[in-house]
Amino acid sequence: TDIAHAMGLAGYHLEGMGIMLPMMDSESAMKYIDEAENEGVNPDACSLPKTTIGMVIKGHMPGGVAIVSTNMACDASSAAYSFYQRAYGLPIYRLDVPYRFYDERAEDLFIEDVKGMIAFLEKHTPGRMDWDRFREMCENRNRILELELELWDMLRTRPAPLASDAVFLSHLWHYNVTP
C-alpha cells in the first residue's frame, strides 16, 4: 500500500477485515465463510479468503478503481483475486514477487514488475507517482523497522516487557489505514 499512498491513492489490504474480524469477535466471520462456501468456494480453503469472499458477496467491502495482487498469499487467497476481479469488474495487476529474494536476476525482474505496476496504476487510477513522497515513506519505514527490531530484541528478556501480539498487530494497522 505504500506505493499507492505515494501516488495519492487510498489503497487498502483487501484481506484486512478478514484478518481483524475474528480477532474482534471469533464467531463474526462464520456468516461470511458460510456465504463463500454456499457460492462454491472449497470448504478446505482456509478461512481468510473465504471470509473476504463472503464479505465481497454480501457487499460489505468497499469497491475501488483497480486491484493489485501478488503471489505472496496462500494459493486460496491468490486464486480469490480472480473472484474479486469479476465481482468488482475492475482491472487487475498481478505482481510476481520472486521466491529467491537475493538473486540479482530476480531482483532486476521484480524491479521491472514494480515499474509495470506503477504504470498500470497511473493508467487505471487518478494517482501519479510522487517519488519524493515515496522516498520519505521508505525512510520512515526503514526507521520503523529499526525500532521494531529493537522491540523484538527486548522481547528476548524474561519476563518480556511487551506481548509479541502488540508488535504483530501494528502491521495490520499499516495495511488498512491511509496516511
C-alpha atoms as a PDB file:
ATOM      1  CA  THR A   1       0.000   0.000   0.000  1.00  0.00           C
ATOM      2  CA  ASP A   2       2.976   2.350   0.352  1.00  0.00           C
ATOM      3  CA  ILE A   3       3.246   2.804  -3.405  1.00  0.00           C
ATOM      4  CA  ALA A   4      -0.482   3.519  -3.670  1.00  0.00           C
ATOM      5  CA  HIS A   5      -0.222   6.063  -0.852  1.00  0.00           C
ATOM      6  CA  ALA A   6       2.790   7.707  -2.513  1.00  0.00           C
ATOM      7  CA  MET A   7       0.608   8.071  -5.602  1.00  0.00           C
ATOM      8  CA  GLY A   8      -2.088   9.834  -3.575  1.00  0.00           C
ATOM      9  CA  LEU A   9      -4.373   6.796  -3.655  1.00  0.00           C
ATOM     10  CA  ALA A  10      -6.287   5.341  -0.725  1.00  0.00           C
ATOM     11  CA  GLY A  11      -5.039   1.779  -1.088  1.00  0.00           C
ATOM     12  CA  TYR A  12      -6.067  -0.876   1.385  1.00  0.00           C
ATOM     13  CA  HIS A  13      -5.357  -4.525   2.048  1.00  0.00           C
ATOM     14  CA  LEU A  14      -8.488  -6.379   0.923  1.00  0.00           C
ATOM     15  CA  GLU A  15      -7.999  -9.232   3.410  1.00  0.00           C
ATOM     16  CA  GLY A  16      -7.537  -6.817   6.306  1.00  0.00           C
ATOM     17  CA  MET A  17     -11.080  -7.200   7.577  1.00  0.00           C
ATOM     18  CA  GLY A  18     -10.896 -10.970   7.153  1.00  0.00           C
ATOM     19  CA  ILE A  19      -7.893 -10.893   9.489  1.00  0.00           C
ATOM     20  CA  MET A  20      -9.236  -8.427  12.053  1.00  0.00           C
ATOM     21  CA  LEU A  21     -12.876  -9.526  12.219  1.00  0.00           C
ATOM     22  CA  PRO A  22     -12.241 -12.852  14.027  1.00  0.00           C
ATOM     23  CA  MET A  23      -9.816 -11.088  16.370  1.00  0.00           C
ATOM     24  CA  MET A  24     -12.602  -8.741  17.454  1.00  0.00           C
ATOM     25  CA  ASP A  25     -15.288 -11.450  17.643  1.00  0.00           C
ATOM     26  CA  SER A  26     -14.287 -15.047  16.984  1.00  0.00           C
ATOM     27  CA  GLU A  27     -17.718 -16.016  15.621  1.00  0.00           C
ATOM     28  CA  SER A  28     -18.216 -12.961  13.382  1.00  0.00           C
ATOM     29  CA  ALA A  29     -16.536 -14.428  10.311  1.00  0.00           C
ATOM     30  CA  MET A  30     -18.718 -17.557  10.242  1.00  0.00           C
ATOM     31  CA  LYS A  31     -21.572 -15.981   8.239  1.00  0.00           C
ATOM     32  CA  TYR A  32     -19.093 -14.849   5.579  1.00  0.00           C
ATOM     33  CA  ILE A  33     -17.400 -18.242   5.433  1.00  0.00           C
ATOM     34  CA  ASP A  34     -20.827 -19.869   5.007  1.00  0.00           C
ATOM     35  CA  GLU A  35     -21.697 -17.385   2.262  1.00  0.00           C
ATOM     36  CA  ALA A  36     -18.498 -18.183   0.362  1.00  0.00           C
ATOM     37  CA  GLU A  37     -18.927 -21.948   0.715  1.00  0.00           C
ATOM     38  CA  ASN A  38     -22.583 -21.688  -0.387  1.00  0.00           C
ATOM     39  CA  GLU A  39     -21.318 -19.959  -3.537  1.00  0.00           C
ATOM     40  CA  GLY A  40     -18.972 -22.864  -4.281  1.00  0.00           C
ATOM     41  CA  VAL A  41     -15.707 -21.973  -2.560  1.00  0.00           C
ATOM     42  CA  ASN A  42     -13.897 -25.128  -1.495  1.00  0.00           C
ATOM     43  CA  PRO A  43     -14.621 -25.914   2.172  1.00  0.00           C
ATOM     44  CA  ASP A  44     -10.970 -26.987   2.526  1.00  0.00           C
ATOM     45  CA  ALA A  45      -9.719 -23.474   1.694  1.00  0.00           C
ATOM     46  CA  CYS A  46      -8.540 -21.512   4.699  1.00  0.00           C
ATOM     47  CA  SER A  47     -10.945 -19.178   6.443  1.00  0.00           C
ATOM     48  CA  LEU A  48      -9.196 -15.930   5.479  1.00  0.00           C
ATOM     49  CA  PRO A  49     -10.014 -15.906   1.754  1.00  0.00           C
ATOM     50  CA  LYS A  50     -13.435 -17.397   2.465  1.00  0.00           C
ATOM     51  CA  THR A  51     -14.208 -14.603   4.931  1.00  0.00           C
ATOM     52  CA  THR A  52     -13.101 -11.957   2.441  1.00  0.00           C
ATOM     53  CA  ILE A  53     -15.018 -13.580  -0.443  1.00  0.00           C
ATOM     54  CA  GLY A  54     -18.126 -13.748   1.749  1.00  0.00           C
ATOM     55  CA  MET A  55     -17.783 -10.080   2.635  1.00  0.00           C
ATOM     56  CA  VAL A  56     -17.493  -9.176  -1.054  1.00  0.00           C
ATOM     57  CA  ILE A  57     -20.549 -11.309  -1.930  1.00  0.00           C
ATOM     58  CA  LYS A  58     -22.591  -9.620   0.813  1.00  0.00           C
ATOM     59  CA  GLY A  59     -21.468  -6.168  -0.348  1.00  0.00           C
ATOM     60  CA  HIS A  60     -19.720  -5.471   2.965  1.00  0.00           C
ATOM     61  CA  MET A  61     -16.406  -4.447   1.416  1.00  0.00           C
ATOM     62  CA  PRO A  62     -15.622  -1.148  -0.274  1.00  0.00           C
ATOM     63  CA  GLY A  63     -15.015  -1.121  -4.005  1.00  0.00           C
ATOM     64  CA  GLY A  64     -12.244   0.648  -5.831  1.00  0.00           C
ATOM     65  CA  VAL A  65     -10.923   1.523  -9.254  1.00  0.00           C
ATOM     66  CA  ALA A  66      -8.196  -1.118  -9.676  1.00  0.00           C
ATOM     67  CA  ILE A  67      -6.806  -4.190  -7.931  1.00  0.00           C
ATOM     68  CA  VAL A  68      -3.196  -5.177  -7.303  1.00  0.00           C
ATOM     69  CA  SER A  69      -2.443  -8.723  -6.214  1.00  0.00           C
ATOM     70  CA  THR A  70       0.717 -10.686  -5.538  1.00  0.00           C
ATOM     71  CA  ASN A  71       1.729 -14.311  -5.421  1.00  0.00           C
ATOM     72  CA  MET A  72       2.768 -13.945  -1.768  1.00  0.00           C
ATOM     73  CA  ALA A  73      -0.525 -15.071  -0.327  1.00  0.00           C
ATOM     74  CA  CYS A  74      -1.594 -18.694   0.041  1.00  0.00           C
ATOM     75  CA  ASP A  75      -2.958 -20.413  -3.073  1.00  0.00           C
ATOM     76  CA  ALA A  76      -6.568 -19.908  -1.994  1.00  0.00           C
ATOM     77  CA  SER A  77      -6.016 -16.175  -1.411  1.00  0.00           C
ATOM     78  CA  SER A  78      -4.188 -15.787  -4.721  1.00  0.00           C
ATOM     79  CA  ALA A  79      -6.995 -17.582  -6.540  1.00  0.00           C
ATOM     80  CA  ALA A  80      -9.582 -15.418  -4.758  1.00  0.00           C
ATOM     81  CA  TYR A  81      -8.340 -12.388  -6.666  1.00  0.00           C
ATOM     82  CA  SER A  82      -9.872 -13.765  -9.856  1.00  0.00           C
ATOM     83  CA  PHE A  83     -13.183 -13.720  -7.986  1.00  0.00           C
ATOM     84  CA  TYR A  84     -12.633 -10.133  -6.749  1.00  0.00           C
ATOM     85  CA  GLN A  85     -11.754  -9.014 -10.262  1.00  0.00           C
ATOM     86  CA  ARG A  86     -15.025 -10.459 -11.626  1.00  0.00           C
ATOM     87  CA  ALA A  87     -17.130  -9.306  -8.662  1.00  0.00           C
ATOM     88  CA  TYR A  88     -15.948  -5.717  -8.898  1.00  0.00           C
ATOM     89  CA  GLY A  89     -15.386  -5.610 -12.662  1.00  0.00           C
ATOM     90  CA  LEU A  90     -12.015  -3.958 -12.114  1.00  0.00           C
ATOM     91  CA  PRO A  91      -8.692  -4.216 -13.912  1.00  0.00           C
ATOM     92  CA  ILE A  92      -6.076  -6.220 -12.010  1.00  0.00           C
ATOM     93  CA  TYR A  93      -2.286  -6.270 -11.906  1.00  0.00           C
ATOM     94  CA  ARG A  94      -0.648  -9.401 -10.553  1.00  0.00           C
ATOM     95  CA  LEU A  95       2.747  -8.569  -9.107  1.00  0.00           C
ATOM     96  CA  ASP A  96       5.106 -11.550  -9.276  1.00  0.00           C
ATOM     97  CA  VAL A  97       7.269 -11.491  -6.158  1.00  0.00           C
ATOM     98  CA  PRO A  98      10.353 -13.711  -6.630  1.00  0.00           C
ATOM     99  CA  TYR A  99      10.900 -16.620  -4.296  1.00  0.00           C
ATOM    100  CA  ARG A 100      14.666 -16.101  -4.443  1.00  0.00           C
ATOM    101  CA  PHE A 101      14.881 -12.600  -2.972  1.00  0.00           C
ATOM    102  CA  TYR A 102      18.661 -12.409  -3.018  1.00  0.00           C
ATOM    103  CA  ASP A 103      19.158 -13.448  -6.625  1.00  0.00           C
ATOM    104  CA  GLU A 104      20.312 -10.460  -8.736  1.00  0.00           C
ATOM    105  CA  ARG A 105      18.316 -11.538 -11.791  1.00  0.00           C
ATOM    106  CA  ALA A 106      15.174 -11.993  -9.699  1.00  0.00           C
ATOM    107  CA  GLU A 107      15.706  -8.572  -8.140  1.00  0.00           C
ATOM    108  CA  ASP A 108      16.045  -6.947 -11.584  1.00  0.00           C
ATOM    109  CA  LEU A 109      12.890  -8.692 -12.827  1.00  0.00           C
ATOM    110  CA  PHE A 110      10.968  -7.645  -9.729  1.00  0.00           C
ATOM    111  CA  ILE A 111      12.038  -4.018 -10.114  1.00  0.00           C
ATOM    112  CA  GLU A 112      10.704  -4.060 -13.673  1.00  0.00           C
ATOM    113  CA  ASP A 113       7.488  -5.677 -12.466  1.00  0.00           C
ATOM    114  CA  VAL A 114       7.015  -2.954  -9.815  1.00  0.00           C
ATOM    115  CA  LYS A 115       7.561  -0.314 -12.516  1.00  0.00           C
ATOM    116  CA  GLY A 116       4.893  -2.103 -14.570  1.00  0.00           C
ATOM    117  CA  MET A 117       2.544  -1.985 -11.581  1.00  0.00           C
ATOM    118  CA  ILE A 118       3.117   1.759 -11.168  1.00  0.00           C
ATOM    119  CA  ALA A 119       2.400   2.302 -14.879  1.00  0.00           C
ATOM    120  CA  PHE A 120      -0.758   0.173 -14.528  1.00  0.00           C
ATOM    121  CA  LEU A 121      -1.933   2.254 -11.547  1.00  0.00           C
ATOM    122  CA  GLU A 122      -1.197   5.509 -13.373  1.00  0.00           C
ATOM    123  CA  LYS A 123      -3.234   4.254 -16.338  1.00  0.00           C
ATOM    124  CA  HIS A 124      -6.229   2.960 -14.336  1.00  0.00           C
ATOM    125  CA  THR A 125      -6.430   5.435 -11.441  1.00  0.00           C
ATOM    126  CA  PRO A 126      -6.152   9.201 -10.954  1.00  0.00           C
ATOM    127  CA  GLY A 127      -2.921   8.651  -8.980  1.00  0.00           C
ATOM    128  CA  ARG A 128       0.526   9.755 -10.109  1.00  0.00           C
ATOM    129  CA  MET A 129       3.756   8.603  -8.517  1.00  0.00           C
ATOM    130  CA  ASP A 130       5.350  11.163  -6.218  1.00  0.00           C
ATOM    131  CA  TRP A 131       8.918   9.857  -5.919  1.00  0.00           C
ATOM    132  CA  ASP A 132       9.884  12.361  -3.210  1.00  0.00           C
ATOM    133  CA  ARG A 133       6.934  11.295  -1.067  1.00  0.00           C
ATOM    134  CA  PHE A 134       7.787   7.636  -1.706  1.00  0.00           C
ATOM    135  CA  ARG A 135      11.433   8.212  -0.707  1.00  0.00           C
ATOM    136  CA  GLU A 136      10.264   9.839   2.538  1.00  0.00           C
ATOM    137  CA  MET A 137       7.882   6.947   3.202  1.00  0.00           C
ATOM    138  CA  CYS A 138      10.694   4.428   2.633  1.00  0.00           C
ATOM    139  CA  GLU A 139      12.974   6.306   5.010  1.00  0.00           C
ATOM    140  CA  ASN A 140      10.214   6.309   7.627  1.00  0.00           C
ATOM    141  CA  ARG A 141       9.535   2.612   7.008  1.00  0.00           C
ATOM    142  CA  ASN A 142      13.246   1.814   7.496  1.00  0.00           C
ATOM    143  CA  ARG A 143      13.265   3.781  10.766  1.00  0.00           C
ATOM    144  CA  ILE A 144      10.155   1.922  11.946  1.00  0.00           C
ATOM    145  CA  LEU A 145      11.857  -1.365  11.065  1.00  0.00           C
ATOM    146  CA  GLU A 146      14.895  -0.397  13.150  1.00  0.00           C
ATOM    147  CA  LEU A 147      12.606   0.370  16.089  1.00  0.00           C
ATOM    148  CA  GLU A 148      10.715  -2.884  15.600  1.00  0.00           C
ATOM    149  CA  LEU A 149      13.967  -4.853  15.650  1.00  0.00           C
ATOM    150  CA  GLU A 150      14.766  -3.153  18.972  1.00  0.00           C
ATOM    151  CA  LEU A 151      11.348  -4.240  20.249  1.00  0.00           C
ATOM    152  CA  TRP A 152      11.931  -7.846  19.204  1.00  0.00           C
ATOM    153  CA  ASP A 153      15.308  -7.694  20.938  1.00  0.00           C
ATOM    154  CA  MET A 154      13.617  -6.507  24.147  1.00  0.00           C
ATOM    155  CA  LEU A 155      11.161  -9.413  23.895  1.00  0.00           C
ATOM    156  CA  ARG A 156      14.075 -11.805  24.452  1.00  0.00           C
ATOM    157  CA  THR A 157      14.219 -10.831  28.105  1.00  0.00           C
ATOM    158  CA  ARG A 158      12.133 -12.708  30.664  1.00  0.00           C
ATOM    159  CA  PRO A 159       9.649 -11.566  31.605  1.00  0.00           C
ATOM    160  CA  ALA A 160       9.074  -9.836  28.287  1.00  0.00           C
ATOM    161  CA  PRO A 161       8.193  -6.143  28.681  1.00  0.00           C
ATOM    162  CA  LEU A 162       5.583  -6.360  25.907  1.00  0.00           C
ATOM    163  CA  ALA A 163       3.452  -9.099  24.381  1.00  0.00           C
ATOM    164  CA  SER A 164       4.606 -10.003  20.870  1.00  0.00           C
ATOM    165  CA  ASP A 165       0.992  -9.672  19.683  1.00  0.00           C
ATOM    166  CA  ALA A 166       1.259  -5.898  20.052  1.00  0.00           C
ATOM    167  CA  VAL A 167       4.217  -5.847  17.650  1.00  0.00           C
ATOM    168  CA  PHE A 168       2.460  -8.099  15.139  1.00  0.00           C
ATOM    169  CA  LEU A 169      -0.878  -6.297  15.315  1.00  0.00           C
ATOM    170  CA  SER A 170       0.796  -2.990  14.478  1.00  0.00           C
ATOM    171  CA  HIS A 171       1.310  -4.372  10.964  1.00  0.00           C
ATOM    172  CA  LEU A 172      -2.439  -4.706  10.460  1.00  0.00           C
ATOM    173  CA  TRP A 173      -2.815  -1.010  11.192  1.00  0.00           C
ATOM    174  CA  HIS A 174      -0.349  -0.150   8.427  1.00  0.00           C
ATOM    175  CA  TYR A 175      -2.190  -2.134   5.768  1.00  0.00           C
ATOM    176  CA  ASN A 176      -5.597  -0.694   6.491  1.00  0.00           C
ATOM    177  CA  VAL A 177      -5.048   2.984   7.228  1.00  0.00           C
ATOM    178  CA  THR A 178      -4.442   5.704   4.699  1.00  0.00           C
ATOM    179  CA  PRO A 179      -1.862   8.209   5.946  1.00  0.00           C
END
